[in-house]
């Protein structure tokens, strides 16, 4: 085990409230077969306008897909396709995902996950770091590190996304959507239950810190 692995395990056991109600499920292996990556690259042309040719979006309102967990990307695409109360609703992504097969999603996810994410536009923020690493028990804010890792790398097998390197703008928009309930495709309402207790000041500090992680 690396020092980072040990730190992540320690963070998880230090604050397990975020996953206390997580339902057991069969682990899904990362989708990183060379054939899938090549096929995904060929199918990614329609994604480049918003997400960049290598998954590093140049417009900060769009998420970076580079280096993201393949299982997480595939799930989001499936959720965009499903929409409704159990999926993820977005006027731009819904029509893009509608025609995708499960194989398309896996191949696209494999391609983008194999790319290297570029640095985020956030700056080190002490208040954000404190919330990210320690949470706030009095306000029932679970430490982000428990699910997203010391460096914001996420936890592939658990389905928790990488957030390090994402733009401040995108991270802010998603936390706001979780806070208001506009986005509701998080497992067991985990993100909504945390985000509802965040103030705008908290979100501003957290997004700066998370974006600066690498």
N, C-alpha and C. Protein backbone atom coordinates (compact mmCIF):
# COMPACT_ATOMS: atom_id res chain seq x y z
N UNK A 1 0.83 -1.20 0.00
CA UNK A 1 0.00 0.00 0.00
C UNK A 1 0.87 1.26 0.00
N UNK A 2 0.42 2.27 -0.72
CA UNK A 2 1.14 3.53 -0.74
C UNK A 2 0.73 4.38 0.45
N UNK A 3 1.48 5.44 0.71
CA UNK A 3 1.11 6.37 1.78
C UNK A 3 -0.26 6.97 1.52
N UNK A 4 -0.54 7.22 0.24
CA UNK A 4 -1.84 7.80 -0.12
C UNK A 4 -2.97 6.83 0.17
N UNK A 5 -2.77 5.53 -0.14
CA UNK A 5 -3.78 4.52 0.15
C UNK A 5 -4.08 4.49 1.65
N UNK A 6 -3.02 4.50 2.45
CA UNK A 6 -3.18 4.45 3.90
C UNK A 6 -3.92 5.68 4.40
N UNK A 7 -3.59 6.85 3.86
CA UNK A 7 -4.26 8.09 4.25
C UNK A 7 -5.74 8.05 3.91
N UNK A 8 -6.07 7.52 2.73
CA UNK A 8 -7.47 7.44 2.31
C UNK A 8 -8.26 6.48 3.20
N UNK A 9 -7.67 5.34 3.53
CA UNK A 9 -8.34 4.39 4.41
C UNK A 9 -8.57 5.00 5.78
N UNK A 10 -7.55 5.72 6.27
CA UNK A 10 -7.69 6.39 7.55
C UNK A 10 -8.80 7.42 7.53
N UNK A 11 -8.90 8.17 6.44
CA UNK A 11 -9.94 9.19 6.31
C UNK A 11 -11.33 8.55 6.29
N UNK A 12 -11.41 7.42 5.63
CA UNK A 12 -12.70 6.72 5.54
C UNK A 12 -13.18 6.28 6.92
N UNK A 13 -12.31 5.63 7.68
CA UNK A 13 -12.71 5.14 9.00
C UNK A 13 -12.85 6.25 10.02
N UNK A 14 -12.24 7.39 9.76
CA UNK A 14 -12.37 8.52 10.67
C UNK A 14 -13.75 9.15 10.59
N UNK A 15 -14.42 8.99 9.45
CA UNK A 15 -15.73 9.60 9.27
C UNK A 15 -16.53 8.75 8.28
N UNK A 16 -17.24 7.76 8.78
CA UNK A 16 -17.98 6.84 7.91
C UNK A 16 -19.45 7.21 7.77
N UNK A 17 -19.87 8.33 8.34
CA UNK A 17 -21.28 8.69 8.28
C UNK A 17 -21.78 8.83 6.85
N UNK A 18 -20.93 9.30 5.96
CA UNK A 18 -21.35 9.53 4.58
C UNK A 18 -21.76 8.24 3.89
N UNK A 19 -21.18 7.12 4.31
CA UNK A 19 -21.49 5.85 3.65
C UNK A 19 -22.22 4.89 4.59
N UNK A 20 -22.76 5.40 5.67
CA UNK A 20 -23.42 4.54 6.66
C UNK A 20 -24.61 3.81 6.09
N UNK A 21 -25.29 4.43 5.13
CA UNK A 21 -26.49 3.82 4.56
C UNK A 21 -26.25 3.29 3.16
N UNK A 22 -25.01 3.17 2.79
CA UNK A 22 -24.66 2.67 1.46
C UNK A 22 -25.07 1.22 1.34
N UNK A 23 -25.82 0.89 0.31
CA UNK A 23 -26.26 -0.47 0.08
C UNK A 23 -25.15 -1.26 -0.59
N UNK A 24 -24.98 -2.48 -0.13
CA UNK A 24 -23.96 -3.33 -0.73
C UNK A 24 -24.29 -3.66 -2.17
N UNK A 25 -23.29 -3.75 -3.00
CA UNK A 25 -23.48 -4.12 -4.39
C UNK A 25 -22.22 -4.76 -4.92
N UNK A 26 -22.37 -5.49 -5.98
CA UNK A 26 -21.23 -6.16 -6.57
C UNK A 26 -20.29 -5.13 -7.16
N UNK A 27 -19.00 -5.17 -6.82
CA UNK A 27 -18.05 -4.20 -7.37
C UNK A 27 -18.02 -4.24 -8.89
N UNK A 28 -17.89 -3.09 -9.49
CA UNK A 28 -17.79 -3.01 -10.95
C UNK A 28 -16.36 -2.65 -11.30
N UNK A 29 -15.74 -3.43 -12.11
CA UNK A 29 -14.34 -3.19 -12.46
C UNK A 29 -14.22 -1.97 -13.34
N UNK A 30 -13.11 -1.23 -13.26
CA UNK A 30 -12.89 -0.09 -14.13
C UNK A 30 -12.89 -0.54 -15.59
N UNK A 31 -13.47 0.27 -16.44
CA UNK A 31 -13.57 -0.09 -17.85
C UNK A 31 -12.39 0.53 -18.60
N UNK A 32 -11.29 -0.16 -18.66
CA UNK A 32 -10.09 0.45 -19.24
C UNK A 32 -9.41 -0.46 -20.26
N UNK A 33 -10.17 -1.34 -20.92
CA UNK A 33 -9.58 -2.19 -21.94
C UNK A 33 -9.13 -1.34 -23.12
N UNK A 34 -7.98 -1.70 -23.70
CA UNK A 34 -7.43 -0.92 -24.80
C UNK A 34 -8.43 -0.79 -25.95
N UNK A 35 -9.16 -1.87 -26.24
CA UNK A 35 -10.13 -1.84 -27.33
C UNK A 35 -11.25 -0.85 -27.04
N UNK A 36 -11.67 -0.79 -25.77
CA UNK A 36 -12.72 0.15 -25.39
C UNK A 36 -12.23 1.59 -25.51
N UNK A 37 -10.99 1.83 -25.11
CA UNK A 37 -10.41 3.18 -25.20
C UNK A 37 -10.37 3.64 -26.65
N UNK A 38 -9.92 2.76 -27.55
CA UNK A 38 -9.83 3.11 -28.97
C UNK A 38 -11.20 3.36 -29.56
N UNK A 39 -12.16 2.50 -29.21
CA UNK A 39 -13.52 2.66 -29.73
C UNK A 39 -14.15 3.93 -29.18
N UNK A 40 -13.88 4.23 -27.90
CA UNK A 40 -14.42 5.43 -27.29
C UNK A 40 -13.88 6.69 -27.91
N UNK A 41 -12.59 6.67 -28.27
CA UNK A 41 -11.99 7.84 -28.92
C UNK A 41 -12.68 8.14 -30.24
N UNK A 42 -13.02 7.10 -30.97
CA UNK A 42 -13.70 7.29 -32.26
C UNK A 42 -15.10 7.85 -32.08
N UNK A 43 -15.72 7.55 -30.95
CA UNK A 43 -17.09 8.00 -30.71
C UNK A 43 -17.16 9.33 -29.97
N UNK A 44 -16.01 9.85 -29.54
CA UNK A 44 -15.99 11.03 -28.69
C UNK A 44 -16.06 12.35 -29.44
N UNK A 45 -16.11 12.29 -30.76
CA UNK A 45 -16.09 13.53 -31.56
C UNK A 45 -17.21 14.49 -31.18
N UNK A 46 -18.40 13.94 -30.89
CA UNK A 46 -19.53 14.81 -30.55
C UNK A 46 -19.42 15.40 -29.15
N UNK A 47 -18.48 14.89 -28.36
CA UNK A 47 -18.32 15.36 -26.98
C UNK A 47 -17.32 16.52 -26.87
N UNK A 48 -16.49 16.66 -27.91
CA UNK A 48 -15.35 17.58 -27.81
C UNK A 48 -15.74 19.05 -27.69
N UNK A 49 -16.85 19.44 -28.27
CA UNK A 49 -17.24 20.85 -28.24
C UNK A 49 -17.38 21.36 -26.81
N UNK A 50 -17.89 20.51 -25.91
CA UNK A 50 -18.08 20.92 -24.52
C UNK A 50 -16.99 20.40 -23.60
N UNK A 51 -16.53 19.17 -23.85
CA UNK A 51 -15.62 18.52 -22.91
C UNK A 51 -14.17 18.48 -23.37
N UNK A 52 -13.88 18.98 -24.56
CA UNK A 52 -12.52 18.97 -25.07
C UNK A 52 -12.15 17.63 -25.69
N UNK A 53 -11.20 17.65 -26.61
CA UNK A 53 -10.80 16.44 -27.31
C UNK A 53 -10.25 15.38 -26.37
N UNK A 54 -9.58 15.81 -25.30
CA UNK A 54 -8.99 14.87 -24.35
C UNK A 54 -9.75 14.85 -23.03
N UNK A 55 -10.96 15.39 -23.04
CA UNK A 55 -11.76 15.38 -21.82
C UNK A 55 -11.50 16.52 -20.87
N UNK A 56 -10.63 17.45 -21.26
CA UNK A 56 -10.37 18.63 -20.44
C UNK A 56 -11.14 19.82 -21.00
N UNK A 57 -12.31 20.04 -20.46
CA UNK A 57 -13.18 21.11 -20.95
C UNK A 57 -12.48 22.46 -20.86
N UNK A 58 -12.57 23.23 -21.94
CA UNK A 58 -11.97 24.56 -21.95
C UNK A 58 -12.92 25.60 -21.37
N UNK A 59 -14.21 25.31 -21.39
CA UNK A 59 -15.22 26.20 -20.82
C UNK A 59 -15.52 25.71 -19.41
N UNK A 60 -15.27 26.51 -18.38
CA UNK A 60 -15.36 26.03 -17.00
C UNK A 60 -16.74 25.60 -16.52
N UNK A 61 -17.79 25.94 -17.25
CA UNK A 61 -19.12 25.51 -16.81
C UNK A 61 -19.37 24.03 -17.11
N UNK A 62 -18.50 23.43 -17.96
CA UNK A 62 -18.63 22.02 -18.31
C UNK A 62 -17.62 21.20 -17.52
N UNK A 63 -17.98 19.96 -17.15
CA UNK A 63 -17.05 19.14 -16.36
C UNK A 63 -15.91 18.57 -17.18
N UNK A 64 -14.79 18.39 -16.52
CA UNK A 64 -13.67 17.66 -17.11
C UNK A 64 -13.96 16.16 -16.95
N UNK A 65 -13.81 15.42 -18.03
CA UNK A 65 -14.01 13.98 -17.98
C UNK A 65 -12.69 13.23 -17.91
N UNK A 66 -11.61 13.92 -18.26
CA UNK A 66 -10.29 13.29 -18.26
C UNK A 66 -9.92 12.78 -16.87
N UNK A 67 -9.51 11.51 -16.80
CA UNK A 67 -9.07 10.94 -15.55
C UNK A 67 -10.19 10.56 -14.59
N UNK A 68 -11.42 10.83 -14.99
CA UNK A 68 -12.55 10.47 -14.15
C UNK A 68 -12.75 8.95 -14.18
N UNK A 69 -13.28 8.39 -13.13
CA UNK A 69 -13.57 6.97 -13.08
C UNK A 69 -14.48 6.56 -14.23
N UNK A 70 -14.10 5.50 -14.94
CA UNK A 70 -14.92 5.03 -16.06
C UNK A 70 -16.30 4.59 -15.59
N UNK A 71 -16.35 3.94 -14.43
CA UNK A 71 -17.64 3.49 -13.92
C UNK A 71 -18.54 4.68 -13.59
N UNK A 72 -17.94 5.75 -13.08
CA UNK A 72 -18.73 6.94 -12.75
C UNK A 72 -19.24 7.62 -14.02
N UNK A 73 -18.39 7.76 -15.03
CA UNK A 73 -18.82 8.38 -16.29
C UNK A 73 -19.95 7.59 -16.91
N UNK A 74 -19.79 6.26 -16.94
CA UNK A 74 -20.83 5.40 -17.54
C UNK A 74 -22.15 5.55 -16.79
N UNK A 75 -22.07 5.64 -15.47
CA UNK A 75 -23.30 5.81 -14.68
C UNK A 75 -23.98 7.13 -14.98
N UNK A 76 -23.18 8.20 -15.09
CA UNK A 76 -23.77 9.51 -15.38
C UNK A 76 -24.45 9.53 -16.75
N UNK A 77 -23.81 8.90 -17.73
CA UNK A 77 -24.42 8.83 -19.06
C UNK A 77 -25.74 8.07 -19.01
N UNK A 78 -25.75 6.96 -18.26
CA UNK A 78 -26.98 6.19 -18.12
C UNK A 78 -28.05 7.01 -17.40
N UNK A 79 -27.64 7.77 -16.40
CA UNK A 79 -28.59 8.61 -15.67
C UNK A 79 -29.13 9.74 -16.55
N UNK A 80 -28.28 10.33 -17.38
CA UNK A 80 -28.74 11.36 -18.31
C UNK A 80 -29.76 10.77 -19.29
N UNK A 81 -29.50 9.55 -19.72
CA UNK A 81 -30.42 8.89 -20.65
C UNK A 81 -31.75 8.58 -19.97
N UNK A 82 -31.71 8.16 -18.71
CA UNK A 82 -32.92 7.80 -17.98
C UNK A 82 -33.75 9.02 -17.61
N UNK A 83 -33.08 10.08 -17.15
CA UNK A 83 -33.78 11.29 -16.74
C UNK A 83 -34.79 11.00 -15.63
N UNK A 84 -35.81 11.83 -15.55
CA UNK A 84 -36.87 11.62 -14.57
C UNK A 84 -36.40 11.74 -13.14
N UNK A 85 -37.17 11.14 -12.22
CA UNK A 85 -36.89 11.28 -10.80
C UNK A 85 -35.73 10.41 -10.34
N UNK A 86 -35.40 9.38 -11.12
CA UNK A 86 -34.31 8.48 -10.71
C UNK A 86 -33.02 8.73 -11.47
N UNK A 87 -33.06 9.58 -12.50
CA UNK A 87 -31.89 9.84 -13.31
C UNK A 87 -31.32 11.22 -13.06
N UNK A 88 -30.68 11.76 -14.06
CA UNK A 88 -30.07 13.08 -13.97
C UNK A 88 -30.61 13.90 -15.14
N UNK A 89 -31.17 15.03 -14.84
CA UNK A 89 -31.85 15.83 -15.85
C UNK A 89 -31.00 17.02 -16.30
N UNK A 90 -30.76 17.08 -17.59
CA UNK A 90 -29.98 18.17 -18.16
C UNK A 90 -30.41 18.36 -19.61
N UNK A 91 -30.82 19.57 -20.00
CA UNK A 91 -31.32 19.79 -21.36
C UNK A 91 -30.29 19.58 -22.45
N UNK A 92 -29.01 19.72 -22.12
CA UNK A 92 -27.95 19.52 -23.11
C UNK A 92 -27.58 18.05 -23.21
N UNK A 93 -27.39 17.39 -22.07
CA UNK A 93 -26.93 16.01 -22.08
C UNK A 93 -28.02 15.00 -22.40
N UNK A 94 -29.26 15.30 -22.11
CA UNK A 94 -30.34 14.34 -22.35
C UNK A 94 -30.39 13.88 -23.81
N UNK A 95 -30.43 14.80 -24.78
CA UNK A 95 -30.46 14.35 -26.17
C UNK A 95 -29.16 13.70 -26.62
N UNK A 96 -28.04 14.09 -26.02
CA UNK A 96 -26.76 13.49 -26.37
C UNK A 96 -26.70 12.03 -25.92
N UNK A 97 -27.27 11.76 -24.75
CA UNK A 97 -27.21 10.41 -24.19
C UNK A 97 -28.32 9.51 -24.71
N UNK A 98 -29.36 10.09 -25.25
CA UNK A 98 -30.54 9.31 -25.64
C UNK A 98 -30.23 8.18 -26.61
N UNK A 99 -29.33 8.43 -27.54
CA UNK A 99 -29.06 7.43 -28.56
C UNK A 99 -27.92 6.48 -28.20
N UNK A 100 -27.32 6.66 -27.04
CA UNK A 100 -26.18 5.84 -26.66
C UNK A 100 -26.61 4.47 -26.14
N UNK A 101 -25.93 3.44 -26.60
CA UNK A 101 -26.15 2.11 -26.06
C UNK A 101 -25.27 1.94 -24.83
N UNK A 102 -25.47 0.87 -24.09
CA UNK A 102 -24.62 0.60 -22.92
C UNK A 102 -23.16 0.44 -23.35
N UNK A 103 -22.96 -0.19 -24.50
CA UNK A 103 -21.59 -0.36 -25.00
C UNK A 103 -20.96 0.98 -25.35
N UNK A 104 -21.75 1.87 -25.98
CA UNK A 104 -21.26 3.22 -26.29
C UNK A 104 -20.78 3.92 -25.02
N UNK A 105 -21.61 3.83 -23.99
CA UNK A 105 -21.29 4.49 -22.73
C UNK A 105 -20.01 3.95 -22.12
N UNK A 106 -19.85 2.63 -22.15
CA UNK A 106 -18.66 2.02 -21.59
C UNK A 106 -17.40 2.43 -22.36
N UNK A 107 -17.52 2.49 -23.68
CA UNK A 107 -16.36 2.84 -24.50
C UNK A 107 -15.99 4.30 -24.34
N UNK A 108 -16.98 5.17 -24.31
CA UNK A 108 -16.70 6.60 -24.09
C UNK A 108 -16.08 6.81 -22.71
N UNK A 109 -16.63 6.11 -21.72
CA UNK A 109 -16.12 6.24 -20.36
C UNK A 109 -14.67 5.76 -20.28
N UNK A 110 -14.37 4.67 -20.96
CA UNK A 110 -13.01 4.13 -20.95
C UNK A 110 -12.03 5.11 -21.59
N UNK A 111 -12.44 5.73 -22.69
CA UNK A 111 -11.56 6.67 -23.37
C UNK A 111 -11.24 7.87 -22.48
N UNK A 112 -12.26 8.49 -21.93
CA UNK A 112 -12.03 9.70 -21.14
C UNK A 112 -11.30 9.39 -19.83
N UNK A 113 -11.58 8.24 -19.24
CA UNK A 113 -10.90 7.90 -17.98
C UNK A 113 -9.41 7.67 -18.19
N UNK A 114 -9.03 7.31 -19.42
CA UNK A 114 -7.62 7.04 -19.71
C UNK A 114 -6.81 8.31 -19.98
N UNK A 115 -7.49 9.46 -20.04
CA UNK A 115 -6.79 10.72 -20.30
C UNK A 115 -6.34 11.36 -18.99
N UNK A 116 -5.41 12.28 -19.08
CA UNK A 116 -4.88 12.94 -17.89
C UNK A 116 -5.58 14.28 -17.67
N UNK A 117 -6.07 14.47 -16.47
CA UNK A 117 -6.79 15.71 -16.17
C UNK A 117 -5.81 16.87 -16.02
N UNK A 118 -6.19 18.03 -16.50
CA UNK A 118 -5.36 19.23 -16.38
C UNK A 118 -5.62 19.90 -15.03
N UNK A 119 -4.72 20.78 -14.58
CA UNK A 119 -4.92 21.46 -13.29
C UNK A 119 -6.20 22.29 -13.27
N UNK A 120 -6.81 22.37 -12.10
CA UNK A 120 -8.01 23.18 -11.96
C UNK A 120 -7.68 24.65 -11.83
N UNK A 121 -8.71 25.49 -11.76
CA UNK A 121 -8.50 26.93 -11.67
C UNK A 121 -8.69 27.46 -10.25
N UNK A 122 -8.77 26.55 -9.27
CA UNK A 122 -8.95 26.97 -7.89
C UNK A 122 -7.64 27.30 -7.20
N UNK A 123 -7.74 27.98 -6.08
CA UNK A 123 -6.57 28.34 -5.28
C UNK A 123 -6.69 27.74 -3.89
N UNK A 124 -5.55 27.51 -3.25
CA UNK A 124 -5.56 26.95 -1.90
C UNK A 124 -6.43 27.82 -0.98
N UNK A 125 -7.26 27.16 -0.20
CA UNK A 125 -8.18 27.88 0.68
C UNK A 125 -8.22 27.16 2.02
N UNK A 126 -7.82 27.80 3.09
CA UNK A 126 -7.72 27.15 4.39
C UNK A 126 -9.09 26.74 4.94
N UNK A 127 -10.09 27.59 4.74
CA UNK A 127 -11.44 27.24 5.22
C UNK A 127 -11.97 26.04 4.45
N UNK A 128 -11.72 26.03 3.15
CA UNK A 128 -12.16 24.91 2.33
C UNK A 128 -11.43 23.63 2.71
N UNK A 129 -10.13 23.75 2.97
CA UNK A 129 -9.33 22.59 3.37
C UNK A 129 -9.85 22.01 4.68
N UNK A 130 -10.18 22.87 5.63
CA UNK A 130 -10.67 22.42 6.93
C UNK A 130 -11.98 21.65 6.78
N UNK A 131 -12.90 22.14 5.96
CA UNK A 131 -14.17 21.45 5.73
C UNK A 131 -13.95 20.15 4.97
N UNK A 132 -13.09 20.19 3.97
CA UNK A 132 -12.84 19.02 3.13
C UNK A 132 -12.26 17.87 3.95
N UNK A 133 -11.30 18.19 4.80
CA UNK A 133 -10.60 17.16 5.55
C UNK A 133 -11.28 16.79 6.87
N UNK A 134 -11.99 17.74 7.46
CA UNK A 134 -12.55 17.49 8.78
C UNK A 134 -14.05 17.59 8.91
N UNK A 135 -14.73 18.18 7.90
CA UNK A 135 -16.17 18.35 8.00
C UNK A 135 -16.54 19.29 9.14
N UNK A 136 -17.80 19.18 9.58
CA UNK A 136 -18.29 19.99 10.69
C UNK A 136 -19.40 19.20 11.36
N UNK A 137 -19.08 18.52 12.46
CA UNK A 137 -20.04 17.65 13.14
C UNK A 137 -21.28 18.41 13.62
N UNK A 138 -21.07 19.62 14.13
CA UNK A 138 -22.19 20.39 14.67
C UNK A 138 -23.23 20.69 13.60
N UNK A 139 -22.78 20.87 12.37
CA UNK A 139 -23.70 21.18 11.27
C UNK A 139 -23.99 19.96 10.40
N UNK A 140 -23.54 18.79 10.84
CA UNK A 140 -23.77 17.53 10.13
C UNK A 140 -23.21 17.58 8.71
N UNK A 141 -22.01 18.14 8.60
CA UNK A 141 -21.31 18.17 7.32
C UNK A 141 -20.19 17.15 7.39
N UNK A 142 -20.34 16.08 6.62
CA UNK A 142 -19.35 15.02 6.61
C UNK A 142 -18.11 15.45 5.85
N UNK A 143 -16.96 15.05 6.31
CA UNK A 143 -15.70 15.37 5.63
C UNK A 143 -15.71 14.79 4.21
N UNK A 144 -15.41 15.63 3.25
CA UNK A 144 -15.42 15.22 1.84
C UNK A 144 -14.38 14.14 1.56
N UNK A 145 -13.28 14.20 2.30
CA UNK A 145 -12.16 13.29 2.08
C UNK A 145 -12.57 11.83 2.26
N UNK A 146 -13.60 11.57 3.07
CA UNK A 146 -14.02 10.20 3.33
C UNK A 146 -14.44 9.47 2.06
N UNK A 147 -14.97 10.21 1.10
CA UNK A 147 -15.42 9.59 -0.15
C UNK A 147 -14.57 9.99 -1.37
N UNK A 148 -14.02 11.19 -1.33
CA UNK A 148 -13.33 11.71 -2.52
C UNK A 148 -11.81 11.64 -2.45
N UNK A 149 -11.26 11.18 -1.32
CA UNK A 149 -9.84 10.95 -1.23
C UNK A 149 -9.01 12.18 -0.87
N UNK A 150 -7.81 11.92 -0.40
CA UNK A 150 -6.90 12.98 0.03
C UNK A 150 -6.61 13.99 -1.08
N UNK A 151 -6.40 13.49 -2.28
CA UNK A 151 -6.07 14.36 -3.41
C UNK A 151 -7.25 14.59 -4.35
N UNK A 152 -8.45 14.26 -3.88
CA UNK A 152 -9.63 14.45 -4.72
C UNK A 152 -9.73 13.45 -5.84
N UNK A 153 -9.06 12.29 -5.68
CA UNK A 153 -9.01 11.29 -6.75
C UNK A 153 -10.24 10.39 -6.80
N UNK A 154 -11.12 10.48 -5.81
CA UNK A 154 -12.31 9.67 -5.78
C UNK A 154 -12.01 8.23 -5.40
N UNK A 155 -13.06 7.39 -5.41
CA UNK A 155 -12.93 5.97 -5.09
C UNK A 155 -13.67 5.18 -6.16
N UNK A 156 -12.91 4.65 -7.09
CA UNK A 156 -13.48 4.00 -8.27
C UNK A 156 -14.47 2.91 -7.94
N UNK A 157 -14.08 1.96 -7.11
CA UNK A 157 -14.93 0.80 -6.86
C UNK A 157 -16.18 1.15 -6.06
N UNK A 158 -16.10 2.21 -5.26
CA UNK A 158 -17.26 2.64 -4.50
C UNK A 158 -18.17 3.56 -5.31
N UNK A 159 -17.69 4.00 -6.46
CA UNK A 159 -18.50 4.86 -7.32
C UNK A 159 -18.44 6.33 -6.98
N UNK A 160 -17.45 6.73 -6.16
CA UNK A 160 -17.33 8.14 -5.80
C UNK A 160 -16.39 8.84 -6.78
N UNK A 161 -16.82 9.96 -7.36
CA UNK A 161 -16.04 10.59 -8.43
C UNK A 161 -14.80 11.34 -7.98
N UNK A 162 -13.88 11.48 -8.90
CA UNK A 162 -12.73 12.36 -8.71
C UNK A 162 -13.23 13.79 -8.84
N UNK A 163 -12.77 14.66 -7.95
CA UNK A 163 -13.18 16.07 -8.03
C UNK A 163 -11.97 17.01 -8.12
N UNK A 164 -10.78 16.49 -7.87
CA UNK A 164 -9.57 17.29 -7.98
C UNK A 164 -9.35 17.73 -9.42
N UNK A 165 -9.06 19.01 -9.63
CA UNK A 165 -8.81 19.50 -10.97
C UNK A 165 -10.03 20.00 -11.70
N UNK A 166 -11.23 19.71 -11.19
CA UNK A 166 -12.44 20.26 -11.81
C UNK A 166 -12.44 21.78 -11.64
N UNK A 167 -13.16 22.47 -12.48
CA UNK A 167 -13.20 23.92 -12.38
C UNK A 167 -14.04 24.35 -11.17
N UNK A 168 -13.71 25.50 -10.63
CA UNK A 168 -14.49 26.06 -9.53
C UNK A 168 -15.94 26.24 -9.95
N UNK A 169 -16.14 26.71 -11.17
CA UNK A 169 -17.49 26.99 -11.66
C UNK A 169 -18.35 25.73 -11.72
N UNK A 170 -17.79 24.66 -12.24
CA UNK A 170 -18.57 23.42 -12.35
C UNK A 170 -18.85 22.83 -10.97
N UNK A 171 -17.83 22.79 -10.11
CA UNK A 171 -18.04 22.25 -8.77
C UNK A 171 -19.10 23.05 -8.01
N UNK A 172 -19.06 24.37 -8.17
CA UNK A 172 -20.04 25.23 -7.51
C UNK A 172 -21.45 24.91 -8.00
N UNK A 173 -21.61 24.79 -9.31
CA UNK A 173 -22.94 24.52 -9.86
C UNK A 173 -23.50 23.20 -9.36
N UNK A 174 -22.65 22.18 -9.24
CA UNK A 174 -23.14 20.88 -8.79
C UNK A 174 -23.47 20.86 -7.31
N UNK A 175 -22.66 21.50 -6.48
CA UNK A 175 -22.98 21.57 -5.06
C UNK A 175 -24.27 22.36 -4.84
N UNK A 176 -24.47 23.42 -5.61
CA UNK A 176 -25.71 24.19 -5.50
C UNK A 176 -26.91 23.33 -5.92
N UNK A 177 -26.74 22.53 -6.96
CA UNK A 177 -27.84 21.66 -7.42
C UNK A 177 -28.15 20.58 -6.41
N UNK A 178 -27.12 20.03 -5.78
CA UNK A 178 -27.37 19.05 -4.72
C UNK A 178 -28.04 19.72 -3.52
N UNK A 179 -27.62 20.94 -3.23
CA UNK A 179 -28.16 21.67 -2.07
C UNK A 179 -29.65 21.96 -2.24
N UNK A 180 -30.06 22.29 -3.45
CA UNK A 180 -31.46 22.61 -3.70
C UNK A 180 -32.29 21.38 -4.08
N UNK A 181 -31.61 20.26 -4.35
CA UNK A 181 -32.32 19.06 -4.77
C UNK A 181 -32.56 18.99 -6.26
N UNK A 182 -32.05 19.98 -7.01
CA UNK A 182 -32.22 19.97 -8.46
C UNK A 182 -31.51 18.76 -9.07
N UNK A 183 -30.37 18.39 -8.49
CA UNK A 183 -29.70 17.16 -8.90
C UNK A 183 -29.95 16.11 -7.83
N UNK A 184 -30.45 14.95 -8.25
CA UNK A 184 -30.88 13.95 -7.27
C UNK A 184 -30.47 12.53 -7.65
N UNK A 185 -29.36 12.39 -8.38
CA UNK A 185 -28.93 11.04 -8.76
C UNK A 185 -27.78 10.53 -7.91
N UNK A 186 -27.62 11.12 -6.73
CA UNK A 186 -26.59 10.67 -5.80
C UNK A 186 -27.10 9.46 -5.02
N UNK A 187 -26.21 8.55 -4.67
CA UNK A 187 -26.59 7.33 -3.98
C UNK A 187 -27.19 7.64 -2.61
N UNK A 188 -28.39 7.15 -2.40
CA UNK A 188 -29.06 7.28 -1.11
C UNK A 188 -29.15 8.72 -0.60
N UNK A 189 -29.11 9.68 -1.53
CA UNK A 189 -29.21 11.09 -1.15
C UNK A 189 -28.02 11.59 -0.38
N UNK A 190 -26.88 10.91 -0.50
CA UNK A 190 -25.70 11.26 0.30
C UNK A 190 -25.27 12.70 0.09
N UNK A 191 -25.13 13.11 -1.17
CA UNK A 191 -24.66 14.47 -1.44
C UNK A 191 -25.70 15.52 -1.07
N UNK A 192 -26.95 15.20 -1.30
CA UNK A 192 -28.00 16.15 -0.93
C UNK A 192 -28.05 16.37 0.58
N UNK A 193 -27.89 15.30 1.34
CA UNK A 193 -27.93 15.40 2.80
C UNK A 193 -26.79 16.24 3.35
N UNK A 194 -25.65 16.22 2.66
CA UNK A 194 -24.50 17.02 3.09
C UNK A 194 -24.63 18.46 2.58
N UNK A 195 -24.92 18.59 1.29
CA UNK A 195 -24.93 19.91 0.66
C UNK A 195 -25.99 20.84 1.23
N UNK A 196 -27.09 20.28 1.71
CA UNK A 196 -28.17 21.12 2.24
C UNK A 196 -27.70 21.90 3.46
N UNK A 197 -26.64 21.43 4.12
CA UNK A 197 -26.12 22.12 5.30
C UNK A 197 -24.97 23.07 4.98
N UNK A 198 -24.63 23.17 3.71
CA UNK A 198 -23.55 24.07 3.32
C UNK A 198 -24.08 25.47 3.02
N UNK A 199 -23.37 26.47 3.47
CA UNK A 199 -23.72 27.85 3.12
C UNK A 199 -23.02 28.20 1.81
N UNK A 200 -23.40 29.30 1.23
CA UNK A 200 -22.73 29.75 0.00
C UNK A 200 -21.25 30.02 0.27
N UNK A 201 -20.95 30.51 1.46
CA UNK A 201 -19.56 30.76 1.84
C UNK A 201 -18.79 29.44 1.92
N UNK A 202 -19.43 28.40 2.48
CA UNK A 202 -18.82 27.08 2.54
C UNK A 202 -18.50 26.56 1.14
N UNK A 203 -19.48 26.69 0.27
CA UNK A 203 -19.33 26.18 -1.10
C UNK A 203 -18.21 26.92 -1.82
N UNK A 204 -18.14 28.23 -1.63
CA UNK A 204 -17.09 29.02 -2.27
C UNK A 204 -15.71 28.56 -1.81
N UNK A 205 -15.57 28.30 -0.52
CA UNK A 205 -14.29 27.87 0.02
C UNK A 205 -13.95 26.44 -0.43
N UNK A 206 -14.92 25.55 -0.36
CA UNK A 206 -14.70 24.16 -0.74
C UNK A 206 -14.32 24.02 -2.20
N UNK A 207 -15.02 24.72 -3.07
CA UNK A 207 -14.76 24.57 -4.50
C UNK A 207 -13.38 25.10 -4.88
N UNK A 208 -12.94 26.15 -4.22
CA UNK A 208 -11.58 26.63 -4.46
C UNK A 208 -10.57 25.54 -4.07
N UNK A 209 -10.76 24.96 -2.89
CA UNK A 209 -9.82 23.96 -2.41
C UNK A 209 -9.86 22.69 -3.28
N UNK A 210 -11.06 22.20 -3.57
CA UNK A 210 -11.19 20.97 -4.36
C UNK A 210 -10.58 21.14 -5.75
N UNK A 211 -10.83 22.28 -6.36
CA UNK A 211 -10.30 22.52 -7.69
C UNK A 211 -8.78 22.58 -7.70
N UNK A 212 -8.20 23.00 -6.57
CA UNK A 212 -6.74 23.13 -6.50
C UNK A 212 -6.04 21.79 -6.27
N UNK A 213 -6.79 20.76 -5.92
CA UNK A 213 -6.19 19.45 -5.64
C UNK A 213 -5.65 18.81 -6.89
N UNK A 214 -4.51 18.13 -6.76
CA UNK A 214 -3.92 17.44 -7.92
C UNK A 214 -2.98 16.35 -7.45
